[in-house]
Amino acid sequence: MSGNFCRQHYERRIHELTERAKAGSDKTDDTDIGEEAYLTALSVYVKLYRENRLSRDELIFHQKELRMKLEKYYQHTEISDRHIAIRNIYSHVLIEAEKEGCAICKKLVRIFDGRDAG
C-alpha cells in the first residue's frame, strides 16, 4: 500500500468518524480500539460544545489533537503490519539458516530473534 493511498484512506475514515461523532452516533462495531477512542472522545467534546461547556475554539483544538493522535496510531499500525508481513516473508529463510547454516549464520539468527545478546 503506498503512502498516498493510506493517507487518502485515513482522511476518508477520519472524516467518517468525525461526522459520526457530530451526529451523536455511538456505533463502534466497525472500529478498532484507536478509532473507537477517537470517536468516543470526540463525541464527548461535541456534547460539551453543544451544552455550551466548551467553546468552538476549544472543540477545534481538541478535534485537531485527537486527529493527530489517530493519525499516529494509524502510522504505528501500518508499521507493525509491514513488519509482520516482512517477517512472514523471510521467516522460512531464518529457519533454514538456523537448521542448515554455519555457526555464524545460526548466531545471527539467534541475535535477530532476540534469543542471543551477541
PDB file of N, CA and C in Angstrom:
ATOM      1  N   MET A   1       0.843  -1.171   0.000  1.00  0.00           N
ATOM      2  CA  MET A   1       0.000   0.000   0.000  1.00  0.00           C
ATOM      3  C   MET A   1       0.893   1.240   0.000  1.00  0.00           C
ATOM      4  N   SER A   2       0.675   2.109  -0.935  1.00  0.00           N
ATOM      5  CA  SER A   2       1.507   3.312  -0.990  1.00  0.00           C
ATOM      6  C   SER A   2       1.060   4.307   0.059  1.00  0.00           C
ATOM      7  N   GLY A   3       2.002   5.157   0.466  1.00  0.00           N
ATOM      8  CA  GLY A   3       1.728   6.155   1.486  1.00  0.00           C
ATOM      9  C   GLY A   3       0.594   7.088   1.113  1.00  0.00           C
ATOM     10  N   ASN A   4       0.503   7.426  -0.188  1.00  0.00           N
ATOM     11  CA  ASN A   4      -0.540   8.328  -0.656  1.00  0.00           C
ATOM     12  C   ASN A   4      -1.915   7.679  -0.519  1.00  0.00           C
ATOM     13  N   PHE A   5      -2.011   6.385  -0.884  1.00  0.00           N
ATOM     14  CA  PHE A   5      -3.273   5.674  -0.754  1.00  0.00           C
ATOM     15  C   PHE A   5      -3.695   5.620   0.711  1.00  0.00           C
ATOM     16  N   CYS A   6      -2.748   5.283   1.576  1.00  0.00           N
ATOM     17  CA  CYS A   6      -3.045   5.205   3.014  1.00  0.00           C
ATOM     18  C   CYS A   6      -3.556   6.542   3.514  1.00  0.00           C
ATOM     19  N   ARG A   7      -2.874   7.596   3.117  1.00  0.00           N
ATOM     20  CA  ARG A   7      -3.245   8.942   3.572  1.00  0.00           C
ATOM     21  C   ARG A   7      -4.681   9.257   3.162  1.00  0.00           C
ATOM     22  N   GLN A   8      -5.017   8.961   1.902  1.00  0.00           N
ATOM     23  CA  GLN A   8      -6.367   9.223   1.411  1.00  0.00           C
ATOM     24  C   GLN A   8      -7.389   8.361   2.149  1.00  0.00           C
ATOM     25  N   HIS A   9      -7.039   7.104   2.379  1.00  0.00           N
ATOM     26  CA  HIS A   9      -7.929   6.206   3.111  1.00  0.00           C
ATOM     27  C   HIS A   9      -8.156   6.722   4.528  1.00  0.00           C
ATOM     28  N   TYR A  10      -7.072   7.115   5.187  1.00  0.00           N
ATOM     29  CA  TYR A  10      -7.174   7.618   6.558  1.00  0.00           C
ATOM     30  C   TYR A  10      -7.970   8.913   6.609  1.00  0.00           C
ATOM     31  N   GLU A  11      -7.764   9.780   5.635  1.00  0.00           N
ATOM     32  CA  GLU A  11      -8.515  11.044   5.589  1.00  0.00           C
ATOM     33  C   GLU A  11     -10.015  10.765   5.498  1.00  0.00           C
ATOM     34  N   ARG A  12     -10.394   9.838   4.604  1.00  0.00           N
ATOM     35  CA  ARG A  12     -11.809   9.489   4.457  1.00  0.00           C
ATOM     36  C   ARG A  12     -12.349   8.876   5.750  1.00  0.00           C
ATOM     37  N   ARG A  13     -11.567   7.994   6.347  1.00  0.00           N
ATOM     38  CA  ARG A  13     -12.017   7.307   7.559  1.00  0.00           C
ATOM     39  C   ARG A  13     -12.172   8.292   8.722  1.00  0.00           C
ATOM     40  N   ILE A  14     -11.228   9.199   8.875  1.00  0.00           N
ATOM     41  CA  ILE A  14     -11.318  10.195   9.946  1.00  0.00           C
ATOM     42  C   ILE A  14     -12.521  11.102   9.718  1.00  0.00           C
ATOM     43  N   HIS A  15     -12.754  11.491   8.461  1.00  0.00           N
ATOM     44  CA  HIS A  15     -13.925  12.314   8.139  1.00  0.00           C
ATOM     45  C   HIS A  15     -15.206  11.569   8.519  1.00  0.00           C
ATOM     46  N   GLU A  16     -15.268  10.291   8.180  1.00  0.00           N
ATOM     47  CA  GLU A  16     -16.438   9.473   8.503  1.00  0.00           C
ATOM     48  C   GLU A  16     -16.655   9.388  10.017  1.00  0.00           C
ATOM     49  N   LEU A  17     -15.589   9.145  10.752  1.00  0.00           N
ATOM     50  CA  LEU A  17     -15.693   9.059  12.213  1.00  0.00           C
ATOM     51  C   LEU A  17     -16.090  10.398  12.824  1.00  0.00           C
ATOM     52  N   THR A  18     -15.556  11.473  12.281  1.00  0.00           N
ATOM     53  CA  THR A  18     -15.881  12.818  12.763  1.00  0.00           C
ATOM     54  C   THR A  18     -17.356  13.122  12.548  1.00  0.00           C
ATOM     55  N   GLU A  19     -17.863  12.791  11.374  1.00  0.00           N
ATOM     56  CA  GLU A  19     -19.284  13.019  11.087  1.00  0.00           C
ATOM     57  C   GLU A  19     -20.155  12.163  12.004  1.00  0.00           C
ATOM     58  N   ARG A  20     -19.712  10.966  12.284  1.00  0.00           N
ATOM     59  CA  ARG A  20     -20.443  10.083  13.193  1.00  0.00           C
ATOM     60  C   ARG A  20     -20.502  10.688  14.597  1.00  0.00           C
ATOM     61  N   ALA A  21     -19.373  11.253  15.047  1.00  0.00           N
ATOM     62  CA  ALA A  21     -19.333  11.892  16.367  1.00  0.00           C
ATOM     63  C   ALA A  21     -20.258  13.099  16.411  1.00  0.00           C
ATOM     64  N   LYS A  22     -20.266  13.887  15.339  1.00  0.00           N
ATOM     65  CA  LYS A  22     -21.137  15.073  15.276  1.00  0.00           C
ATOM     66  C   LYS A  22     -22.608  14.670  15.311  1.00  0.00           C
ATOM     67  N   ALA A  23     -22.917  13.507  14.716  1.00  0.00           N
ATOM     68  CA  ALA A  23     -24.302  13.035  14.677  1.00  0.00           C
ATOM     69  C   ALA A  23     -24.708  12.371  15.988  1.00  0.00           C
ATOM     70  N   GLY A  24     -23.753  12.209  16.881  1.00  0.00           N
ATOM     71  CA  GLY A  24     -24.050  11.607  18.174  1.00  0.00           C
ATOM     72  C   GLY A  24     -24.117  10.094  18.139  1.00  0.00           C
ATOM     73  N   SER A  25     -23.603   9.490  17.081  1.00  0.00           N
ATOM     74  CA  SER A  25     -23.642   8.031  16.957  1.00  0.00           C
ATOM     75  C   SER A  25     -22.587   7.396  17.852  1.00  0.00           C
ATOM     76  N   ASP A  26     -22.984   6.342  18.524  1.00  0.00           N
ATOM     77  CA  ASP A  26     -22.026   5.611  19.352  1.00  0.00           C
ATOM     78  C   ASP A  26     -21.724   4.237  18.736  1.00  0.00           C
ATOM     79  N   LYS A  27     -22.039   4.071  17.473  1.00  0.00           N
ATOM     80  CA  LYS A  27     -21.793   2.814  16.762  1.00  0.00           C
ATOM     81  C   LYS A  27     -20.282   2.606  16.612  1.00  0.00           C
ATOM     82  N   THR A  28     -19.767   1.531  17.209  1.00  0.00           N
ATOM     83  CA  THR A  28     -18.320   1.258  17.143  1.00  0.00           C
ATOM     84  C   THR A  28     -18.021  -0.163  16.685  1.00  0.00           C
ATOM     85  N   ASP A  29     -19.025  -0.871  16.163  1.00  0.00           N
ATOM     86  CA  ASP A  29     -18.805  -2.263  15.785  1.00  0.00           C
ATOM     87  C   ASP A  29     -17.875  -2.420  14.578  1.00  0.00           C
ATOM     88  N   ASP A  30     -17.618  -1.356  13.854  1.00  0.00           N
ATOM     89  CA  ASP A  30     -16.709  -1.431  12.698  1.00  0.00           C
ATOM     90  C   ASP A  30     -15.390  -0.694  12.965  1.00  0.00           C
ATOM     91  N   THR A  31     -15.108  -0.418  14.232  1.00  0.00           N
ATOM     92  CA  THR A  31     -13.890   0.318  14.576  1.00  0.00           C
ATOM     93  C   THR A  31     -12.930  -0.578  15.345  1.00  0.00           C
ATOM     94  N   ASP A  32     -11.657  -0.211  15.286  1.00  0.00           N
ATOM     95  CA  ASP A  32     -10.692  -0.866  16.162  1.00  0.00           C
ATOM     96  C   ASP A  32     -10.536   0.026  17.389  1.00  0.00           C
ATOM     97  N   ILE A  33      -9.639  -0.334  18.269  1.00  0.00           N
ATOM     98  CA  ILE A  33      -9.544   0.399  19.542  1.00  0.00           C
ATOM     99  C   ILE A  33      -9.114   1.863  19.356  1.00  0.00           C
ATOM    100  N   GLY A  34      -8.249   2.132  18.392  1.00  0.00           N
ATOM    101  CA  GLY A  34      -7.810   3.509  18.148  1.00  0.00           C
ATOM    102  C   GLY A  34      -8.937   4.380  17.619  1.00  0.00           C
ATOM    103  N   GLU A  35      -9.689   3.841  16.661  1.00  0.00           N
ATOM    104  CA  GLU A  35     -10.814   4.593  16.109  1.00  0.00           C
ATOM    105  C   GLU A  35     -11.924   4.769  17.143  1.00  0.00           C
ATOM    106  N   GLU A  36     -12.131   3.739  17.941  1.00  0.00           N
ATOM    107  CA  GLU A  36     -13.154   3.828  18.982  1.00  0.00           C
ATOM    108  C   GLU A  36     -12.798   4.915  19.998  1.00  0.00           C
ATOM    109  N   ALA A  37     -11.534   4.996  20.367  1.00  0.00           N
ATOM    110  CA  ALA A  37     -11.099   6.033  21.312  1.00  0.00           C
ATOM    111  C   ALA A  37     -11.317   7.427  20.708  1.00  0.00           C
ATOM    112  N   TYR A  38     -10.967   7.592  19.431  1.00  0.00           N
ATOM    113  CA  TYR A  38     -11.172   8.867  18.740  1.00  0.00           C
ATOM    114  C   TYR A  38     -12.654   9.237  18.741  1.00  0.00           C
ATOM    115  N   LEU A  39     -13.473   8.286  18.322  1.00  0.00           N
ATOM    116  CA  LEU A  39     -14.907   8.529  18.213  1.00  0.00           C
ATOM    117  C   LEU A  39     -15.525   8.859  19.566  1.00  0.00           C
ATOM    118  N   THR A  40     -15.170   8.106  20.573  1.00  0.00           N
ATOM    119  CA  THR A  40     -15.719   8.323  21.912  1.00  0.00           C
ATOM    120  C   THR A  40     -15.302   9.686  22.468  1.00  0.00           C
ATOM    121  N   ALA A  41     -14.008   9.985  22.368  1.00  0.00           N
ATOM    122  CA  ALA A  41     -13.517  11.260  22.901  1.00  0.00           C
ATOM    123  C   ALA A  41     -14.118  12.442  22.148  1.00  0.00           C
ATOM    124  N   LEU A  42     -14.145  12.357  20.821  1.00  0.00           N
ATOM    125  CA  LEU A  42     -14.697  13.470  20.044  1.00  0.00           C
ATOM    126  C   LEU A  42     -16.186  13.637  20.335  1.00  0.00           C
ATOM    127  N   SER A  43     -16.892  12.550  20.518  1.00  0.00           N
ATOM    128  CA  SER A  43     -18.320  12.633  20.853  1.00  0.00           C
ATOM    129  C   SER A  43     -18.533  13.385  22.163  1.00  0.00           C
ATOM    130  N   VAL A  44     -17.671  13.142  23.123  1.00  0.00           N
ATOM    131  CA  VAL A  44     -17.762  13.846  24.416  1.00  0.00           C
ATOM    132  C   VAL A  44     -17.521  15.339  24.210  1.00  0.00           C
ATOM    133  N   TYR A  45     -16.492  15.683  23.425  1.00  0.00           N
ATOM    134  CA  TYR A  45     -16.204  17.100  23.176  1.00  0.00           C
ATOM    135  C   TYR A  45     -17.350  17.779  22.431  1.00  0.00           C
ATOM    136  N   VAL A  46     -17.937  17.087  21.451  1.00  0.00           N
ATOM    137  CA  VAL A  46     -19.072  17.658  20.720  1.00  0.00           C
ATOM    138  C   VAL A  46     -20.240  17.890  21.670  1.00  0.00           C
ATOM    139  N   LYS A  47     -20.493  16.919  22.530  1.00  0.00           N
ATOM    140  CA  LYS A  47     -21.586  17.058  23.509  1.00  0.00           C
ATOM    141  C   LYS A  47     -21.336  18.257  24.430  1.00  0.00           C
ATOM    142  N   LEU A  48     -20.107  18.385  24.920  1.00  0.00           N
ATOM    143  CA  LEU A  48     -19.768  19.526  25.784  1.00  0.00           C
ATOM    144  C   LEU A  48     -19.947  20.850  25.044  1.00  0.00           C
ATOM    145  N   TYR A  49     -19.578  20.875  23.773  1.00  0.00           N
ATOM    146  CA  TYR A  49     -19.743  22.081  22.953  1.00  0.00           C
ATOM    147  C   TYR A  49     -21.224  22.427  22.822  1.00  0.00           C
ATOM    148  N   ARG A  50     -22.038  21.423  22.559  1.00  0.00           N
ATOM    149  CA  ARG A  50     -23.478  21.658  22.390  1.00  0.00           C
ATOM    150  C   ARG A  50     -24.154  22.077  23.687  1.00  0.00           C
ATOM    151  N   GLU A  51     -23.572  21.696  24.798  1.00  0.00           N
ATOM    152  CA  GLU A  51     -24.088  22.114  26.112  1.00  0.00           C
ATOM    153  C   GLU A  51     -23.490  23.452  26.543  1.00  0.00           C
ATOM    154  N   ASN A  52     -22.745  24.099  25.650  1.00  0.00           N
ATOM    155  CA  ASN A  52     -22.079  25.373  25.908  1.00  0.00           C
ATOM    156  C   ASN A  52     -21.070  25.291  27.053  1.00  0.00           C
ATOM    157  N   ARG A  53     -20.497  24.127  27.243  1.00  0.00           N
ATOM    158  CA  ARG A  53     -19.475  23.934  28.280  1.00  0.00           C
ATOM    159  C   ARG A  53     -18.086  23.938  27.666  1.00  0.00           C
ATOM    160  N   LEU A  54     -18.039  24.110  26.360  1.00  0.00           N
ATOM    161  CA  LEU A  54     -16.777  24.130  25.616  1.00  0.00           C
ATOM    162  C   LEU A  54     -16.945  25.120  24.476  1.00  0.00           C
ATOM    163  N   SER A  55     -15.952  25.980  24.277  1.00  0.00           N
ATOM    164  CA  SER A  55     -16.052  26.958  23.186  1.00  0.00           C
ATOM    165  C   SER A  55     -15.754  26.279  21.845  1.00  0.00           C
ATOM    166  N   ARG A  56     -16.104  26.952  20.790  1.00  0.00           N
ATOM    167  CA  ARG A  56     -15.821  26.433  19.438  1.00  0.00           C
ATOM    168  C   ARG A  56     -14.324  26.243  19.249  1.00  0.00           C
ATOM    169  N   ASP A  57     -13.545  27.219  19.703  1.00  0.00           N
ATOM    170  CA  ASP A  57     -12.082  27.122  19.583  1.00  0.00           C
ATOM    171  C   ASP A  57     -11.530  25.932  20.364  1.00  0.00           C
ATOM    172  N   GLU A  58     -12.094  25.694  21.545  1.00  0.00           N
ATOM    173  CA  GLU A  58     -11.655  24.538  22.349  1.00  0.00           C
ATOM    174  C   GLU A  58     -12.015  23.229  21.647  1.00  0.00           C
ATOM    175  N   LEU A  59     -13.213  23.186  21.067  1.00  0.00           N
ATOM    176  CA  LEU A  59     -13.627  21.998  20.324  1.00  0.00           C
ATOM    177  C   LEU A  59     -12.677  21.737  19.160  1.00  0.00           C
ATOM    178  N   ILE A  60     -12.360  22.767  18.414  1.00  0.00           N
ATOM    179  CA  ILE A  60     -11.453  22.629  17.264  1.00  0.00           C
ATOM    180  C   ILE A  60     -10.079  22.179  17.741  1.00  0.00           C
ATOM    181  N   PHE A  61      -9.593  22.752  18.825  1.00  0.00           N
ATOM    182  CA  PHE A  61      -8.293  22.363  19.372  1.00  0.00           C
ATOM    183  C   PHE A  61      -8.283  20.875  19.721  1.00  0.00           C
ATOM    184  N   HIS A  62      -9.297  20.425  20.454  1.00  0.00           N
ATOM    185  CA  HIS A  62      -9.364  19.026  20.875  1.00  0.00           C
ATOM    186  C   HIS A  62      -9.527  18.094  19.670  1.00  0.00           C
ATOM    187  N   GLN A  63     -10.309  18.524  18.691  1.00  0.00           N
ATOM    188  CA  GLN A  63     -10.504  17.708  17.495  1.00  0.00           C
ATOM    189  C   GLN A  63      -9.181  17.536  16.748  1.00  0.00           C
ATOM    190  N   LYS A  64      -8.417  18.614  16.608  1.00  0.00           N
ATOM    191  CA  LYS A  64      -7.118  18.525  15.934  1.00  0.00           C
ATOM    192  C   LYS A  64      -6.156  17.631  16.709  1.00  0.00           C
ATOM    193  N   GLU A  65      -6.176  17.761  18.024  1.00  0.00           N
ATOM    194  CA  GLU A  65      -5.308  16.945  18.871  1.00  0.00           C
ATOM    195  C   GLU A  65      -5.668  15.453  18.736  1.00  0.00           C
ATOM    196  N   LEU A  66      -6.953  15.150  18.772  1.00  0.00           N
ATOM    197  CA  LEU A  66      -7.391  13.760  18.612  1.00  0.00           C
ATOM    198  C   LEU A  66      -7.039  13.228  17.222  1.00  0.00           C
ATOM    199  N   ARG A  67      -7.192  14.071  16.236  1.00  0.00           N
ATOM    200  CA  ARG A  67      -6.878  13.678  14.858  1.00  0.00           C
ATOM    201  C   ARG A  67      -5.400  13.316  14.730  1.00  0.00           C
ATOM    202  N   MET A  68      -4.530  14.139  15.306  1.00  0.00           N
ATOM    203  CA  MET A  68      -3.091  13.853  15.247  1.00  0.00           C
ATOM    204  C   MET A  68      -2.776  12.529  15.936  1.00  0.00           C
ATOM    205  N   LYS A  69      -3.425  12.284  17.058  1.00  0.00           N
ATOM    206  CA  LYS A  69      -3.199  11.031  17.778  1.00  0.00           C
ATOM    207  C   LYS A  69      -3.693   9.829  16.968  1.00  0.00           C
ATOM    208  N   LEU A  70      -4.838   9.976  16.310  1.00  0.00           N
ATOM    209  CA  LEU A  70      -5.359   8.881  15.491  1.00  0.00           C
ATOM    210  C   LEU A  70      -4.458   8.641  14.282  1.00  0.00           C
ATOM    211  N   GLU A  71      -3.961   9.705  13.679  1.00  0.00           N
ATOM    212  CA  GLU A  71      -3.041   9.540  12.550  1.00  0.00           C
ATOM    213  C   GLU A  71      -1.761   8.825  12.989  1.00  0.00           C
ATOM    214  N   LYS A  72      -1.259   9.170  14.160  1.00  0.00           N
ATOM    215  CA  LYS A  72      -0.074   8.498  14.702  1.00  0.00           C
ATOM    216  C   LYS A  72      -0.387   7.019  14.958  1.00  0.00           C
ATOM    217  N   TYR A  73      -1.567   6.763  15.491  1.00  0.00           N
ATOM    218  CA  TYR A  73      -1.998   5.379  15.726  1.00  0.00           C
ATOM    219  C   TYR A  73      -2.026   4.616  14.405  1.00  0.00           C
ATOM    220  N   TYR A  74      -2.592   5.218  13.364  1.00  0.00           N
ATOM    221  CA  TYR A  74      -2.631   4.583  12.040  1.00  0.00           C
ATOM    222  C   TYR A  74      -1.208   4.290  11.543  1.00  0.00           C
ATOM    223  N   GLN A  75      -0.307   5.248  11.727  1.00  0.00           N
ATOM    224  CA  GLN A  75       1.078   5.051  11.283  1.00  0.00           C
ATOM    225  C   GLN A  75       1.737   3.893  12.024  1.00  0.00           C
ATOM    226  N   HIS A  76       1.546   3.826  13.329  1.00  0.00           N
ATOM    227  CA  HIS A  76       2.127   2.735  14.112  1.00  0.00           C
ATOM    228  C   HIS A  76       1.534   1.386  13.699  1.00  0.00           C
ATOM    229  N   THR A  77       0.239   1.368  13.446  1.00  0.00           N
ATOM    230  CA  THR A  77      -0.416   0.143  12.999  1.00  0.00           C
ATOM    231  C   THR A  77       0.130  -0.293  11.649  1.00  0.00           C
ATOM    232  N   GLU A  78       0.310   0.660  10.752  1.00  0.00           N
ATOM    233  CA  GLU A  78       0.848   0.355   9.423  1.00  0.00           C
ATOM    234  C   GLU A  78       2.277  -0.192   9.524  1.00  0.00           C
ATOM    235  N   ILE A  79       3.094   0.415  10.365  1.00  0.00           N
ATOM    236  CA  ILE A  79       4.469  -0.061  10.558  1.00  0.00           C
ATOM    237  C   ILE A  79       4.457  -1.486  11.102  1.00  0.00           C
ATOM    238  N   SER A  80       3.617  -1.727  12.077  1.00  0.00           N
ATOM    239  CA  SER A  80       3.519  -3.061  12.665  1.00  0.00           C
ATOM    240  C   SER A  80       3.065  -4.086  11.621  1.00  0.00           C
ATOM    241  N   ASP A  81       2.059  -3.739  10.840  1.00  0.00           N
ATOM    242  CA  ASP A  81       1.574  -4.642   9.791  1.00  0.00           C
ATOM    243  C   ASP A  81       2.664  -4.931   8.767  1.00  0.00           C
ATOM    244  N   ARG A  82       3.418  -3.914   8.381  1.00  0.00           N
ATOM    245  CA  ARG A  82       4.526  -4.116   7.428  1.00  0.00           C
ATOM    246  C   ARG A  82       5.594  -5.017   8.021  1.00  0.00           C
ATOM    247  N   HIS A  83       5.911  -4.788   9.293  1.00  0.00           N
ATOM    248  CA  HIS A  83       6.922  -5.608   9.960  1.00  0.00           C
ATOM    249  C   HIS A  83       6.489  -7.075   9.983  1.00  0.00           C
ATOM    250  N   ILE A  84       5.246  -7.330  10.288  1.00  0.00           N
ATOM    251  CA  ILE A  84       4.726  -8.697  10.329  1.00  0.00           C
ATOM    252  C   ILE A  84       4.785  -9.332   8.944  1.00  0.00           C
ATOM    253  N   ALA A  85       4.401  -8.576   7.918  1.00  0.00           N
ATOM    254  CA  ALA A  85       4.438  -9.113   6.550  1.00  0.00           C
ATOM    255  C   ALA A  85       5.868  -9.454   6.132  1.00  0.00           C
ATOM    256  N   ILE A  86       6.797  -8.564   6.433  1.00  0.00           N
ATOM    257  CA  ILE A  86       8.205  -8.810   6.094  1.00  0.00           C
ATOM    258  C   ILE A  86       8.715 -10.016   6.860  1.00  0.00           C
ATOM    259  N   ARG A  87       8.392 -10.075   8.117  1.00  0.00           N
ATOM    260  CA  ARG A  87       8.828 -11.199   8.965  1.00  0.00           C
ATOM    261  C   ARG A  87       8.290 -12.524   8.415  1.00  0.00           C
ATOM    262  N   ASN A  88       7.061 -12.537   7.967  1.00  0.00           N
ATOM    263  CA  ASN A  88       6.484 -13.750   7.388  1.00  0.00           C
ATOM    264  C   ASN A  88       7.191 -14.164   6.100  1.00  0.00           C
ATOM    265  N   ILE A  89       7.623 -13.187   5.329  1.00  0.00           N
ATOM    266  CA  ILE A  89       8.308 -13.474   4.066  1.00  0.00           C
ATOM    267  C   ILE A  89       9.644 -14.152   4.311  1.00  0.00           C
ATOM    268  N   TYR A  90      10.426 -13.680   5.253  1.00  0.00           N
ATOM    269  CA  TYR A  90      11.760 -14.241   5.428  1.00  0.00           C
ATOM    270  C   TYR A  90      11.876 -15.248   6.567  1.00  0.00           C
ATOM    271  N   SER A  91      10.779 -15.562   7.229  1.00  0.00           N
ATOM    272  CA  SER A  91      10.864 -16.492   8.360  1.00  0.00           C
ATOM    273  C   SER A  91      11.369 -17.865   7.940  1.00  0.00           C
ATOM    274  N   HIS A  92      10.964 -18.332   6.755  1.00  0.00           N
ATOM    275  CA  HIS A  92      11.431 -19.648   6.312  1.00  0.00           C
ATOM    276  C   HIS A  92      12.942 -19.657   6.046  1.00  0.00           C
ATOM    277  N   VAL A  93      13.476 -18.532   5.645  1.00  0.00           N
ATOM    278  CA  VAL A  93      14.920 -18.424   5.424  1.00  0.00           C
ATOM    279  C   VAL A  93      15.660 -18.482   6.755  1.00  0.00           C
ATOM    280  N   LEU A  94      15.121 -17.824   7.763  1.00  0.00           N
ATOM    281  CA  LEU A  94      15.739 -17.865   9.085  1.00  0.00           C
ATOM    282  C   LEU A  94      15.717 -19.280   9.667  1.00  0.00           C
ATOM    283  N   ILE A  95      14.611 -19.976   9.473  1.00  0.00           N
ATOM    284  CA  ILE A  95      14.520 -21.356   9.967  1.00  0.00           C
ATOM    285  C   ILE A  95      15.567 -22.223   9.275  1.00  0.00           C
ATOM    286  N   GLU A  96      15.670 -22.061   7.971  1.00  0.00           N
ATOM    287  CA  GLU A  96      16.665 -22.831   7.207  1.00  0.00           C
ATOM    288  C   GLU A  96      18.083 -22.468   7.642  1.00  0.00           C
ATOM    289  N   ALA A  97      18.346 -21.192   7.852  1.00  0.00           N
ATOM    290  CA  ALA A  97      19.687 -20.766   8.274  1.00  0.00           C
ATOM    291  C   ALA A  97      20.038 -21.328   9.646  1.00  0.00           C
ATOM    292  N   GLU A  98      19.050 -21.399  10.528  1.00  0.00           N
ATOM    293  CA  GLU A  98      19.334 -21.936  11.850  1.00  0.00           C
ATOM    294  C   GLU A  98      19.553 -23.451  11.802  1.00  0.00           C
ATOM    295  N   LYS A  99      18.831 -24.135  10.946  1.00  0.00           N
ATOM    296  CA  LYS A  99      18.975 -25.592  10.854  1.00  0.00           C
ATOM    297  C   LYS A  99      20.208 -26.004  10.053  1.00  0.00           C
ATOM    298  N   GLU A 100      20.426 -25.336   8.928  1.00  0.00           N
ATOM    299  CA  GLU A 100      21.440 -25.785   7.975  1.00  0.00           C
ATOM    300  C   GLU A 100      22.663 -24.871   7.884  1.00  0.00           C
ATOM    301  N   GLY A 101      22.597 -23.695   8.477  1.00  0.00           N
ATOM    302  CA  GLY A 101      23.664 -22.714   8.304  1.00  0.00           C
ATOM    303  C   GLY A 101      24.886 -22.985   9.156  1.00  0.00           C
ATOM    304  N   CYS A 102      25.897 -22.207   8.897  1.00  0.00           N
ATOM    305  CA  CYS A 102      27.140 -22.301   9.659  1.00  0.00           C
ATOM    306  C   CYS A 102      26.922 -21.701  11.055  1.00  0.00           C
ATOM    307  N   ALA A 103      27.909 -21.785  11.892  1.00  0.00           N
ATOM    308  CA  ALA A 103      27.804 -21.285  13.263  1.00  0.00           C
ATOM    309  C   ALA A 103      27.512 -19.784  13.289  1.00  0.00           C
ATOM    310  N   ILE A 104      28.112 -19.040  12.374  1.00  0.00           N
ATOM    311  CA  ILE A 104      27.871 -17.589  12.319  1.00  0.00           C
ATOM    312  C   ILE A 104      26.421 -17.311  11.919  1.00  0.00           C
ATOM    313  N   CYS A 105      25.923 -18.046  10.919  1.00  0.00           N
ATOM    314  CA  CYS A 105      24.526 -17.866  10.497  1.00  0.00           C
ATOM    315  C   CYS A 105      23.577 -18.164  11.646  1.00  0.00           C
ATOM    316  N   LYS A 106      23.837 -19.253  12.353  1.00  0.00           N
ATOM    317  CA  LYS A 106      22.982 -19.632  13.477  1.00  0.00           C
ATOM    318  C   LYS A 106      23.005 -18.556  14.566  1.00  0.00           C
ATOM    319  N   LYS A 107      24.185 -18.018  14.823  1.00  0.00           N
ATOM    320  CA  LYS A 107      24.304 -16.961  15.841  1.00  0.00           C
ATOM    321  C   LYS A 107      23.548 -15.707  15.389  1.00  0.00           C
ATOM    322  N   LEU A 108      23.673 -15.352  14.115  1.00  0.00           N
ATOM    323  CA  LEU A 108      22.956 -14.183  13.587  1.00  0.00           C
ATOM    324  C   LEU A 108      21.443 -14.357  13.720  1.00  0.00           C
ATOM    325  N   VAL A 109      20.957 -15.566  13.447  1.00  0.00           N
ATOM    326  CA  VAL A 109      19.523 -15.823  13.583  1.00  0.00           C
ATOM    327  C   VAL A 109      19.095 -15.644  15.034  1.00  0.00           C
ATOM    328  N   ARG A 110      19.870 -16.177  15.974  1.00  0.00           N
ATOM    329  CA  ARG A 110      19.526 -16.048  17.394  1.00  0.00           C
ATOM    330  C   ARG A 110      19.563 -14.584  17.836  1.00  0.00           C
ATOM    331  N   ILE A 111      20.541 -13.841  17.354  1.00  0.00           N
ATOM    332  CA  ILE A 111      20.610 -12.404  17.682  1.00  0.00           C
ATOM    333  C   ILE A 111      19.401 -11.680  17.094  1.00  0.00           C
ATOM    334  N   PHE A 112      19.110 -11.980  15.851  1.00  0.00           N
ATOM    335  CA  PHE A 112      17.997 -11.335  15.156  1.00  0.00           C
ATOM    336  C   PHE A 112      16.668 -11.636  15.852  1.00  0.00           C
ATOM    337  N   ASP A 113      16.497 -12.856  16.327  1.00  0.00           N
ATOM    338  CA  ASP A 113      15.288 -13.257  17.033  1.00  0.00           C
ATOM    339  C   ASP A 113      15.229 -12.746  18.464  1.00  0.00           C
ATOM    340  N   GLY A 114      16.353 -12.214  18.953  1.00  0.00           N
ATOM    341  CA  GLY A 114      16.391 -11.712  20.319  1.00  0.00           C
ATOM    342  C   GLY A 114      16.686 -12.787  21.344  1.00  0.00           C
ATOM    343  N   ARG A 115      17.165 -13.925  20.889  1.00  0.00           N
ATOM    344  CA  ARG A 115      17.479 -15.018  21.819  1.00  0.00           C
ATOM    345  C   ARG A 115      18.936 -14.982  22.270  1.00  0.00           C
ATOM    346  N   ASP A 116      19.722 -14.120  21.668  1.00  0.00           N
ATOM    347  CA  ASP A 116      21.150 -14.037  22.000  1.00  0.00           C
ATOM    348  C   ASP A 116      21.525 -12.564  21.949  1.00  0.00           C
ATOM    349  N   ALA A 117      22.149 -12.081  22.993  1.00  0.00           N
ATOM    350  CA  ALA A 117      22.522 -10.650  23.067  1.00  0.00           C
ATOM    351  C   ALA A 117      23.752 -10.333  22.228  1.00  0.00           C
ATOM    352  N   GLY A 118      24.387 -11.312  21.713  1.00  0.00           N
ATOM    353  CA  GLY A 118      25.548 -11.041  20.861  1.00  0.00           C
ATOM    354  C   GLY A 118      26.782 -11.430  21.534  1.00  0.00           C
TER     355      GLY A 118
END
